Amino acid sequence: MDRLFFKRLCKNRAFWITIFILFFLLTNFLLQVVAKNGLNLNHSRKEVKMIGNGEEVVRGNKNKKQIIFTFDGGGTTASADKILEVLKKHKVKGTFFMTGQMVKEHPDFIKKIVAEDYEIFNHSYNHPYLTEVSDEKIKEELQKMDGVLFSTAKVHSKPFFRPPFGDRDERVLRVAKSLGYQSIYWTVDAMDWQEWETDETVKKRILNSLDNGNIYLMHVGDKITGNILDEVFTEIEDRGYKIVSLTEGI
């Protein structure tokens, strides 16, 4: 009896058409509810806001014995895997400033950063000298990077950006702020990107300059960072400092 009923049900086209229509209507209704209530079905990230009145940040909280490492990426990924490995080993939340080109050319790396709930902020799209381009070009660089980041990893880059080459002036900062971006500079440039630097010189530069709230600039695209990062983190922690992300440390 049950088998006969099932066979008849399968042959009943009207029944299945009705089921399909009901499913379509229910799906459409749920999508409208999501849109109306502003629910986000993309990767969930804690909202980050500008610090203070939005002026440029060059150092974190000096009242706590903690250090901030930031990693800029605009080309190659020579140290990418090693950076992620060391961050996980030391249980440190990473902070990255990525160009749009970097996001476009290395989407898998970007997705790994997001999957670990690390921070990604804006480093422009093409890495130009921002003081040498127009207001509109500055806006285009920041907005284009944010667009490709969202299309790749479903996260946005606001509210922080780092000007390429550290090249900025009052106009650049003002234009960026009008889009909701606050400039993050650095306290110490590790100089890992310089061709004449060695593992030892970069390591000494970092360890000899330790101070509460320091923001260190390092790079994804050079080999020195990957070579020394684990040893540097270990030594910093042995000296009683905590290594934190940008948003944790400012």
C-alpha atoms as a PDB file:
ATOM      1  CA  MET A   1       0.000   0.000   0.000  1.00  0.00           C
ATOM      2  CA  ASP A   2       2.803   2.388   0.951  1.00  0.00           C
ATOM      3  CA  ARG A   3       4.771   1.582  -2.223  1.00  0.00           C
ATOM      4  CA  LEU A   4       1.729   2.168  -4.415  1.00  0.00           C
ATOM      5  CA  PHE A   5       1.088   5.502  -2.734  1.00  0.00           C
ATOM      6  CA  PHE A   6       4.711   6.535  -3.242  1.00  0.00           C
ATOM      7  CA  LYS A   7       4.637   5.663  -6.967  1.00  0.00           C
ATOM      8  CA  ARG A   8       1.466   7.679  -7.476  1.00  0.00           C
ATOM      9  CA  LEU A   9       2.990  10.603  -5.592  1.00  0.00           C
ATOM     10  CA  CYS A  10       6.097  10.579  -7.809  1.00  0.00           C
ATOM     11  CA  LYS A  11       3.935  10.700 -10.940  1.00  0.00           C
ATOM     12  CA  ASN A  12       1.877  13.604  -9.632  1.00  0.00           C
ATOM     13  CA  ARG A  13       3.428  16.604 -11.458  1.00  0.00           C
ATOM     14  CA  ALA A  14       1.082  19.086  -9.833  1.00  0.00           C
ATOM     15  CA  PHE A  15       2.268  18.012  -6.398  1.00  0.00           C
ATOM     16  CA  TRP A  16       5.930  18.612  -7.210  1.00  0.00           C
ATOM     17  CA  ILE A  17       5.246  21.914  -8.934  1.00  0.00           C
ATOM     18  CA  THR A  18       3.440  23.061  -5.802  1.00  0.00           C
ATOM     19  CA  ILE A  19       6.375  21.990  -3.620  1.00  0.00           C
ATOM     20  CA  PHE A  20       8.808  23.893  -5.841  1.00  0.00           C
ATOM     21  CA  ILE A  21       6.701  27.067  -5.740  1.00  0.00           C
ATOM     22  CA  LEU A  22       6.394  26.889  -1.946  1.00  0.00           C
ATOM     23  CA  PHE A  23      10.156  26.392  -1.598  1.00  0.00           C
ATOM     24  CA  PHE A  24      10.823  29.379  -3.872  1.00  0.00           C
ATOM     25  CA  LEU A  25       8.423  31.609  -1.944  1.00  0.00           C
ATOM     26  CA  LEU A  26       9.891  30.564   1.414  1.00  0.00           C
ATOM     27  CA  THR A  27      13.450  31.214   0.244  1.00  0.00           C
ATOM     28  CA  ASN A  28      12.481  34.636  -1.113  1.00  0.00           C
ATOM     29  CA  PHE A  29      10.737  35.492   2.156  1.00  0.00           C
ATOM     30  CA  LEU A  30      13.794  34.538   4.238  1.00  0.00           C
ATOM     31  CA  LEU A  31      16.089  36.630   2.034  1.00  0.00           C
ATOM     32  CA  GLN A  32      13.790  39.639   2.491  1.00  0.00           C
ATOM     33  CA  VAL A  33      13.859  39.152   6.266  1.00  0.00           C
ATOM     34  CA  VAL A  34      17.655  39.059   6.224  1.00  0.00           C
ATOM     35  CA  ALA A  35      17.845  42.222   4.140  1.00  0.00           C
ATOM     36  CA  LYS A  36      15.279  44.055   6.251  1.00  0.00           C
ATOM     37  CA  ASN A  37      17.027  43.253   9.522  1.00  0.00           C
ATOM     38  CA  GLY A  38      20.505  43.962   8.260  1.00  0.00           C
ATOM     39  CA  LEU A  39      21.788  40.488   9.026  1.00  0.00           C
ATOM     40  CA  ASN A  40      25.235  39.650   7.660  1.00  0.00           C
ATOM     41  CA  LEU A  41      25.666  36.202   6.147  1.00  0.00           C
ATOM     42  CA  ASN A  42      29.306  36.867   5.296  1.00  0.00           C
ATOM     43  CA  HIS A  43      32.347  36.315   7.495  1.00  0.00           C
ATOM     44  CA  SER A  44      31.593  37.758  10.925  1.00  0.00           C
ATOM     45  CA  ARG A  45      34.107  40.270  12.286  1.00  0.00           C
ATOM     46  CA  LYS A  46      33.991  42.446  15.338  1.00  0.00           C
ATOM     47  CA  GLU A  47      33.377  46.058  14.377  1.00  0.00           C
ATOM     48  CA  VAL A  48      36.479  48.216  14.634  1.00  0.00           C
ATOM     49  CA  LYS A  49      36.268  51.992  15.025  1.00  0.00           C
ATOM     50  CA  MET A  50      38.699  54.873  14.645  1.00  0.00           C
ATOM     51  CA  ILE A  51      40.800  55.726  17.670  1.00  0.00           C
ATOM     52  CA  GLY A  52      40.252  59.127  19.294  1.00  0.00           C
ATOM     53  CA  ASN A  53      39.577  61.884  16.775  1.00  0.00           C
ATOM     54  CA  GLY A  54      41.069  59.940  13.864  1.00  0.00           C
ATOM     55  CA  GLU A  55      44.577  61.426  13.940  1.00  0.00           C
ATOM     56  CA  GLU A  56      47.474  59.308  12.721  1.00  0.00           C
ATOM     57  CA  VAL A  57      48.652  56.571  15.096  1.00  0.00           C
ATOM     58  CA  VAL A  58      52.391  55.922  15.477  1.00  0.00           C
ATOM     59  CA  ARG A  59      52.414  54.016  18.763  1.00  0.00           C
ATOM     60  CA  GLY A  60      50.115  51.837  20.808  1.00  0.00           C
ATOM     61  CA  ASN A  61      49.237  51.996  24.500  1.00  0.00           C
ATOM     62  CA  LYS A  62      52.397  52.956  26.412  1.00  0.00           C
ATOM     63  CA  ASN A  63      50.863  51.997  29.749  1.00  0.00           C
ATOM     64  CA  LYS A  64      51.001  48.282  28.957  1.00  0.00           C
ATOM     65  CA  LYS A  65      54.038  46.092  28.360  1.00  0.00           C
ATOM     66  CA  GLN A  66      52.986  44.989  24.927  1.00  0.00           C
ATOM     67  CA  ILE A  67      54.293  45.153  21.367  1.00  0.00           C
ATOM     68  CA  ILE A  68      52.420  45.384  18.043  1.00  0.00           C
ATOM     69  CA  PHE A  69      53.710  43.736  14.876  1.00  0.00           C
ATOM     70  CA  THR A  70      52.229  44.724  11.525  1.00  0.00           C
ATOM     71  CA  PHE A  71      52.963  43.072   8.191  1.00  0.00           C
ATOM     72  CA  ASP A  72      52.681  44.955   4.894  1.00  0.00           C
ATOM     73  CA  GLY A  73      52.018  43.074   1.689  1.00  0.00           C
ATOM     74  CA  GLY A  74      52.164  44.453  -1.815  1.00  0.00           C
ATOM     75  CA  GLY A  75      53.914  41.928  -4.011  1.00  0.00           C
ATOM     76  CA  THR A  76      55.438  38.552  -3.289  1.00  0.00           C
ATOM     77  CA  THR A  77      54.690  36.114  -0.466  1.00  0.00           C
ATOM     78  CA  ALA A  78      58.197  34.974   0.447  1.00  0.00           C
ATOM     79  CA  SER A  79      57.473  34.919   4.199  1.00  0.00           C
ATOM     80  CA  ALA A  80      53.690  34.472   4.086  1.00  0.00           C
ATOM     81  CA  ASP A  81      53.439  30.871   5.258  1.00  0.00           C
ATOM     82  CA  LYS A  82      56.114  31.316   7.903  1.00  0.00           C
ATOM     83  CA  ILE A  83      54.385  34.396   9.324  1.00  0.00           C
ATOM     84  CA  LEU A  84      51.113  32.498   9.673  1.00  0.00           C
ATOM     85  CA  GLU A  85      52.942  29.552  11.229  1.00  0.00           C
ATOM     86  CA  VAL A  86      54.692  31.725  13.834  1.00  0.00           C
ATOM     87  CA  LEU A  87      51.542  33.680  14.691  1.00  0.00           C
ATOM     88  CA  LYS A  88      49.691  30.437  15.379  1.00  0.00           C
ATOM     89  CA  LYS A  89      52.587  28.968  17.363  1.00  0.00           C
ATOM     90  CA  HIS A  90      52.766  32.008  19.648  1.00  0.00           C
ATOM     91  CA  LYS A  91      48.987  32.480  19.742  1.00  0.00           C
ATOM     92  CA  VAL A  92      49.278  36.022  18.405  1.00  0.00           C
ATOM     93  CA  LYS A  93      46.530  37.712  16.419  1.00  0.00           C
ATOM     94  CA  GLY A  94      48.173  39.075  13.292  1.00  0.00           C
ATOM     95  CA  THR A  95      47.707  42.471  11.653  1.00  0.00           C
ATOM     96  CA  PHE A  96      48.220  42.889   7.914  1.00  0.00           C
ATOM     97  CA  PHE A  97      48.130  45.891   5.592  1.00  0.00           C
ATOM     98  CA  MET A  98      47.480  44.600   2.064  1.00  0.00           C
ATOM     99  CA  THR A  99      47.366  46.247  -1.335  1.00  0.00           C
ATOM    100  CA  GLY A 100      44.520  45.426  -3.679  1.00  0.00           C
ATOM    101  CA  GLN A 101      46.985  43.883  -6.123  1.00  0.00           C
ATOM    102  CA  MET A 102      48.232  41.594  -3.364  1.00  0.00           C
ATOM    103  CA  VAL A 103      44.670  40.509  -2.621  1.00  0.00           C
ATOM    104  CA  LYS A 104      43.957  39.930  -6.298  1.00  0.00           C
ATOM    105  CA  GLU A 105      47.133  37.943  -6.977  1.00  0.00           C
ATOM    106  CA  HIS A 106      47.185  35.889  -3.767  1.00  0.00           C
ATOM    107  CA  PRO A 107      43.543  35.223  -2.797  1.00  0.00           C
ATOM    108  CA  ASP A 108      44.329  31.960  -1.003  1.00  0.00           C
ATOM    109  CA  PHE A 109      46.740  33.707   1.357  1.00  0.00           C
ATOM    110  CA  ILE A 110      44.172  36.422   2.063  1.00  0.00           C
ATOM    111  CA  LYS A 111      41.505  33.820   2.807  1.00  0.00           C
ATOM    112  CA  LYS A 112      43.863  32.097   5.250  1.00  0.00           C
ATOM    113  CA  ILE A 113      44.321  35.395   7.097  1.00  0.00           C
ATOM    114  CA  VAL A 114      40.571  35.886   7.350  1.00  0.00           C
ATOM    115  CA  ALA A 115      39.971  32.259   8.352  1.00  0.00           C
ATOM    116  CA  GLU A 116      42.310  32.762  11.325  1.00  0.00           C
ATOM    117  CA  ASP A 117      40.371  35.932  12.256  1.00  0.00           C
ATOM    118  CA  TYR A 118      43.476  38.072  11.788  1.00  0.00           C
ATOM    119  CA  GLU A 119      43.214  41.741  10.869  1.00  0.00           C
ATOM    120  CA  ILE A 120      43.484  43.071   7.309  1.00  0.00           C
ATOM    121  CA  PHE A 121      43.569  46.791   6.645  1.00  0.00           C
ATOM    122  CA  ASN A 122      44.088  49.038   3.621  1.00  0.00           C
ATOM    123  CA  HIS A 123      47.463  49.647   1.955  1.00  0.00           C
ATOM    124  CA  SER A 124      46.027  51.162  -1.260  1.00  0.00           C
ATOM    125  CA  TYR A 125      45.439  49.263  -4.489  1.00  0.00           C
ATOM    126  CA  ASN A 126      48.589  49.909  -6.554  1.00  0.00           C
ATOM    127  CA  HIS A 127      50.983  51.197  -3.854  1.00  0.00           C
ATOM    128  CA  PRO A 128      51.524  54.715  -5.269  1.00  0.00           C
ATOM    129  CA  TYR A 129      53.073  57.754  -3.599  1.00  0.00           C
ATOM    130  CA  LEU A 130      49.827  59.285  -2.363  1.00  0.00           C
ATOM    131  CA  THR A 131      51.253  62.802  -1.992  1.00  0.00           C
ATOM    132  CA  GLU A 132      51.848  62.827  -5.753  1.00  0.00           C
ATOM    133  CA  VAL A 133      48.309  61.962  -6.856  1.00  0.00           C
ATOM    134  CA  SER A 134      44.998  63.831  -6.791  1.00  0.00           C
ATOM    135  CA  ASP A 135      42.312  63.632  -4.114  1.00  0.00           C
ATOM    136  CA  GLU A 136      40.178  61.530  -6.441  1.00  0.00           C
ATOM    137  CA  LYS A 137      43.033  59.127  -7.081  1.00  0.00           C
ATOM    138  CA  ILE A 138      43.591  58.693  -3.351  1.00  0.00           C
ATOM    139  CA  LYS A 139      39.929  57.841  -2.931  1.00  0.00           C
ATOM    140  CA  GLU A 140      40.059  55.456  -5.878  1.00  0.00           C
ATOM    141  CA  GLU A 141      43.086  53.649  -4.433  1.00  0.00           C
ATOM    142  CA  LEU A 142      41.440  53.093  -1.064  1.00  0.00           C
ATOM    143  CA  GLN A 143      38.004  52.215  -2.397  1.00  0.00           C
ATOM    144  CA  LYS A 144      39.309  49.865  -5.077  1.00  0.00           C
ATOM    145  CA  MET A 145      41.383  47.941  -2.549  1.00  0.00           C
ATOM    146  CA  ASP A 146      38.411  47.644  -0.230  1.00  0.00           C
ATOM    147  CA  GLY A 147      36.238  46.408  -3.092  1.00  0.00           C
ATOM    148  CA  VAL A 148      38.591  43.628  -4.163  1.00  0.00           C
ATOM    149  CA  LEU A 149      39.107  42.582  -0.539  1.00  0.00           C
ATOM    150  CA  PHE A 150      35.379  42.258   0.003  1.00  0.00           C
ATOM    151  CA  SER A 151      34.831  40.353  -3.233  1.00  0.00           C
ATOM    152  CA  THR A 152      37.663  37.980  -2.302  1.00  0.00           C
ATOM    153  CA  ALA A 153      37.169  37.415   1.421  1.00  0.00           C
ATOM    154  CA  LYS A 154      33.870  39.110   2.340  1.00  0.00           C
ATOM    155  CA  VAL A 155      35.499  41.538   4.784  1.00  0.00           C
ATOM    156  CA  HIS A 156      36.162  45.280   4.592  1.00  0.00           C
ATOM    157  CA  SER A 157      39.405  47.145   5.245  1.00  0.00           C
ATOM    158  CA  LYS A 158      38.136  50.023   7.370  1.00  0.00           C
ATOM    159  CA  PRO A 159      38.880  51.891   9.533  1.00  0.00           C
ATOM    160  CA  PHE A 160      42.678  51.779   9.188  1.00  0.00           C
ATOM    161  CA  PHE A 161      45.092  52.318   6.320  1.00  0.00           C
ATOM    162  CA  ARG A 162      48.828  52.601   5.925  1.00  0.00           C
ATOM    163  CA  PRO A 163      50.127  54.951   3.223  1.00  0.00           C
ATOM    164  CA  PRO A 164      52.496  53.213   0.791  1.00  0.00           C
ATOM    165  CA  PHE A 165      56.158  54.082   1.475  1.00  0.00           C
ATOM    166  CA  GLY A 166      54.875  55.962   4.540  1.00  0.00           C
ATOM    167  CA  ASP A 167      54.247  58.809   2.101  1.00  0.00           C
ATOM    168  CA  ARG A 168      51.566  61.130   3.449  1.00  0.00           C
ATOM    169  CA  ASP A 169      50.837  64.727   4.318  1.00  0.00           C
ATOM    170  CA  GLU A 170      47.906  66.616   5.792  1.00  0.00           C
ATOM    171  CA  ARG A 171      45.970  66.445   2.514  1.00  0.00           C
ATOM    172  CA  VAL A 172      46.366  62.673   2.183  1.00  0.00           C
ATOM    173  CA  LEU A 173      45.276  62.125   5.772  1.00  0.00           C
ATOM    174  CA  ARG A 174      42.294  64.445   5.332  1.00  0.00           C
ATOM    175  CA  VAL A 175      41.090  62.715   2.155  1.00  0.00           C
ATOM    176  CA  ALA A 176      41.501  59.273   3.705  1.00  0.00           C
ATOM    177  CA  LYS A 177      39.640  60.367   6.818  1.00  0.00           C
ATOM    178  CA  SER A 178      36.748  61.622   4.675  1.00  0.00           C
ATOM    179  CA  LEU A 179      36.307  57.996   3.557  1.00  0.00           C
ATOM    180  CA  GLY A 180      36.467  56.689   7.100  1.00  0.00           C
ATOM    181  CA  TYR A 181      40.156  55.733   7.227  1.00  0.00           C
ATOM    182  CA  GLN A 182      42.674  56.524   9.951  1.00  0.00           C
ATOM    183  CA  SER A 183      46.388  56.358   9.181  1.00  0.00           C
ATOM    184  CA  ILE A 184      48.536  53.828  11.014  1.00  0.00           C
ATOM    185  CA  TYR A 185      52.242  54.615  10.771  1.00  0.00           C
ATOM    186  CA  TRP A 186      54.918  52.771  12.764  1.00  0.00           C
ATOM    187  CA  THR A 187      57.244  53.330  15.677  1.00  0.00           C
ATOM    188  CA  VAL A 188      60.078  51.226  14.269  1.00  0.00           C
ATOM    189  CA  ASP A 189      60.722  50.137  10.688  1.00  0.00           C
ATOM    190  CA  ALA A 190      62.506  46.790  10.953  1.00  0.00           C
ATOM    191  CA  MET A 191      64.102  47.496   7.560  1.00  0.00           C
ATOM    192  CA  ASP A 192      63.592  43.873   6.551  1.00  0.00           C
ATOM    193  CA  TRP A 193      62.968  45.050   2.994  1.00  0.00           C
ATOM    194  CA  GLN A 194      66.383  46.615   2.457  1.00  0.00           C
ATOM    195  CA  GLU A 195      68.704  44.531   0.269  1.00  0.00           C
ATOM    196  CA  TRP A 196      71.777  45.230   2.394  1.00  0.00           C
ATOM    197  CA  GLU A 197      70.141  44.123   5.640  1.00  0.00           C
ATOM    198  CA  THR A 198      70.767  40.685   7.156  1.00  0.00           C
ATOM    199  CA  ASP A 199      68.843  38.483   9.558  1.00  0.00           C
ATOM    200  CA  GLU A 200      71.092  39.624  12.396  1.00  0.00           C
ATOM    201  CA  THR A 201      70.891  43.374  11.731  1.00  0.00           C
ATOM    202  CA  VAL A 202      67.091  43.308  11.510  1.00  0.00           C
ATOM    203  CA  LYS A 203      66.797  41.169  14.616  1.00  0.00           C
ATOM    204  CA  LYS A 204      69.047  43.523  16.603  1.00  0.00           C
ATOM    205  CA  ARG A 205      67.127  46.577  15.398  1.00  0.00           C
ATOM    206  CA  ILE A 206      63.905  45.114  16.788  1.00  0.00           C
ATOM    207  CA  LEU A 207      65.248  43.739  20.065  1.00  0.00           C
ATOM    208  CA  ASN A 208      67.346  46.828  20.869  1.00  0.00           C
ATOM    209  CA  SER A 209      64.382  49.168  20.450  1.00  0.00           C
ATOM    210  CA  LEU A 210      61.710  47.402  22.512  1.00  0.00           C
ATOM    211  CA  ASP A 211      59.409  49.723  24.405  1.00  0.00           C
ATOM    212  CA  ASN A 212      55.795  49.691  25.549  1.00  0.00           C
ATOM    213  CA  GLY A 213      53.361  50.222  22.698  1.00  0.00           C
ATOM    214  CA  ASN A 214      55.876  50.032  19.863  1.00  0.00           C
ATOM    215  CA  ILE A 215      54.388  49.355  16.432  1.00  0.00           C
ATOM    216  CA  TYR A 216      56.831  47.392  14.267  1.00  0.00           C
ATOM    217  CA  LEU A 217      56.710  47.415  10.493  1.00  0.00           C
ATOM    218  CA  MET A 218      57.683  44.196   8.723  1.00  0.00           C
ATOM    219  CA  HIS A 219      56.876  42.763   5.297  1.00  0.00           C
ATOM    220  CA  VAL A 220      55.300  39.660   3.827  1.00  0.00           C
ATOM    221  CA  GLY A 221      57.376  39.785   0.667  1.00  0.00           C
ATOM    222  CA  ASP A 222      60.904  39.488   2.048  1.00  0.00           C
ATOM    223  CA  LYS A 223      62.698  36.388   3.379  1.00  0.00           C
ATOM    224  CA  ILE A 224      64.219  37.989   6.465  1.00  0.00           C
ATOM    225  CA  THR A 225      60.880  38.246   8.266  1.00  0.00           C
ATOM    226  CA  GLY A 226      60.206  34.532   7.893  1.00  0.00           C
ATOM    227  CA  ASN A 227      63.750  33.657   8.904  1.00  0.00           C
ATOM    228  CA  ILE A 228      63.782  35.548  12.210  1.00  0.00           C
ATOM    229  CA  LEU A 229      60.174  35.991  13.343  1.00  0.00           C
ATOM    230  CA  ASP A 230      59.941  32.932  15.594  1.00  0.00           C
ATOM    231  CA  GLU A 231      63.205  33.758  17.367  1.00  0.00           C
ATOM    232  CA  VAL A 232      62.230  37.424  17.718  1.00  0.00           C
ATOM    233  CA  PHE A 233      58.815  36.580  19.172  1.00  0.00           C
ATOM    234  CA  THR A 234      60.372  34.122  21.625  1.00  0.00           C
ATOM    235  CA  GLU A 235      62.933  36.661  22.838  1.00  0.00           C
ATOM    236  CA  ILE A 236      60.319  39.415  23.206  1.00  0.00           C
ATOM    237  CA  GLU A 237      58.055  37.131  25.231  1.00  0.00           C
ATOM    238  CA  ASP A 238      61.003  36.029  27.390  1.00  0.00           C
ATOM    239  CA  ARG A 239      61.539  39.684  28.246  1.00  0.00           C
ATOM    240  CA  GLY A 240      58.009  39.898  29.596  1.00  0.00           C
ATOM    241  CA  TYR A 241      56.273  41.646  26.694  1.00  0.00           C
ATOM    242  CA  LYS A 242      52.982  40.517  25.226  1.00  0.00           C
ATOM    243  CA  ILE A 243      52.679  40.611  21.437  1.00  0.00           C
ATOM    244  CA  VAL A 244      49.237  41.854  20.388  1.00  0.00           C
ATOM    245  CA  SER A 245      47.337  42.890  17.295  1.00  0.00           C
ATOM    246  CA  LEU A 246      46.829  46.506  16.287  1.00  0.00           C
ATOM    247  CA  THR A 247      43.289  46.736  17.607  1.00  0.00           C
ATOM    248  CA  GLU A 248      44.300  45.077  20.874  1.00  0.00           C
ATOM    249  CA  GLY A 249      47.238  47.380  21.398  1.00  0.00           C
ATOM    250  CA  ILE A 250      46.036  50.901  20.576  1.00  0.00           C
END
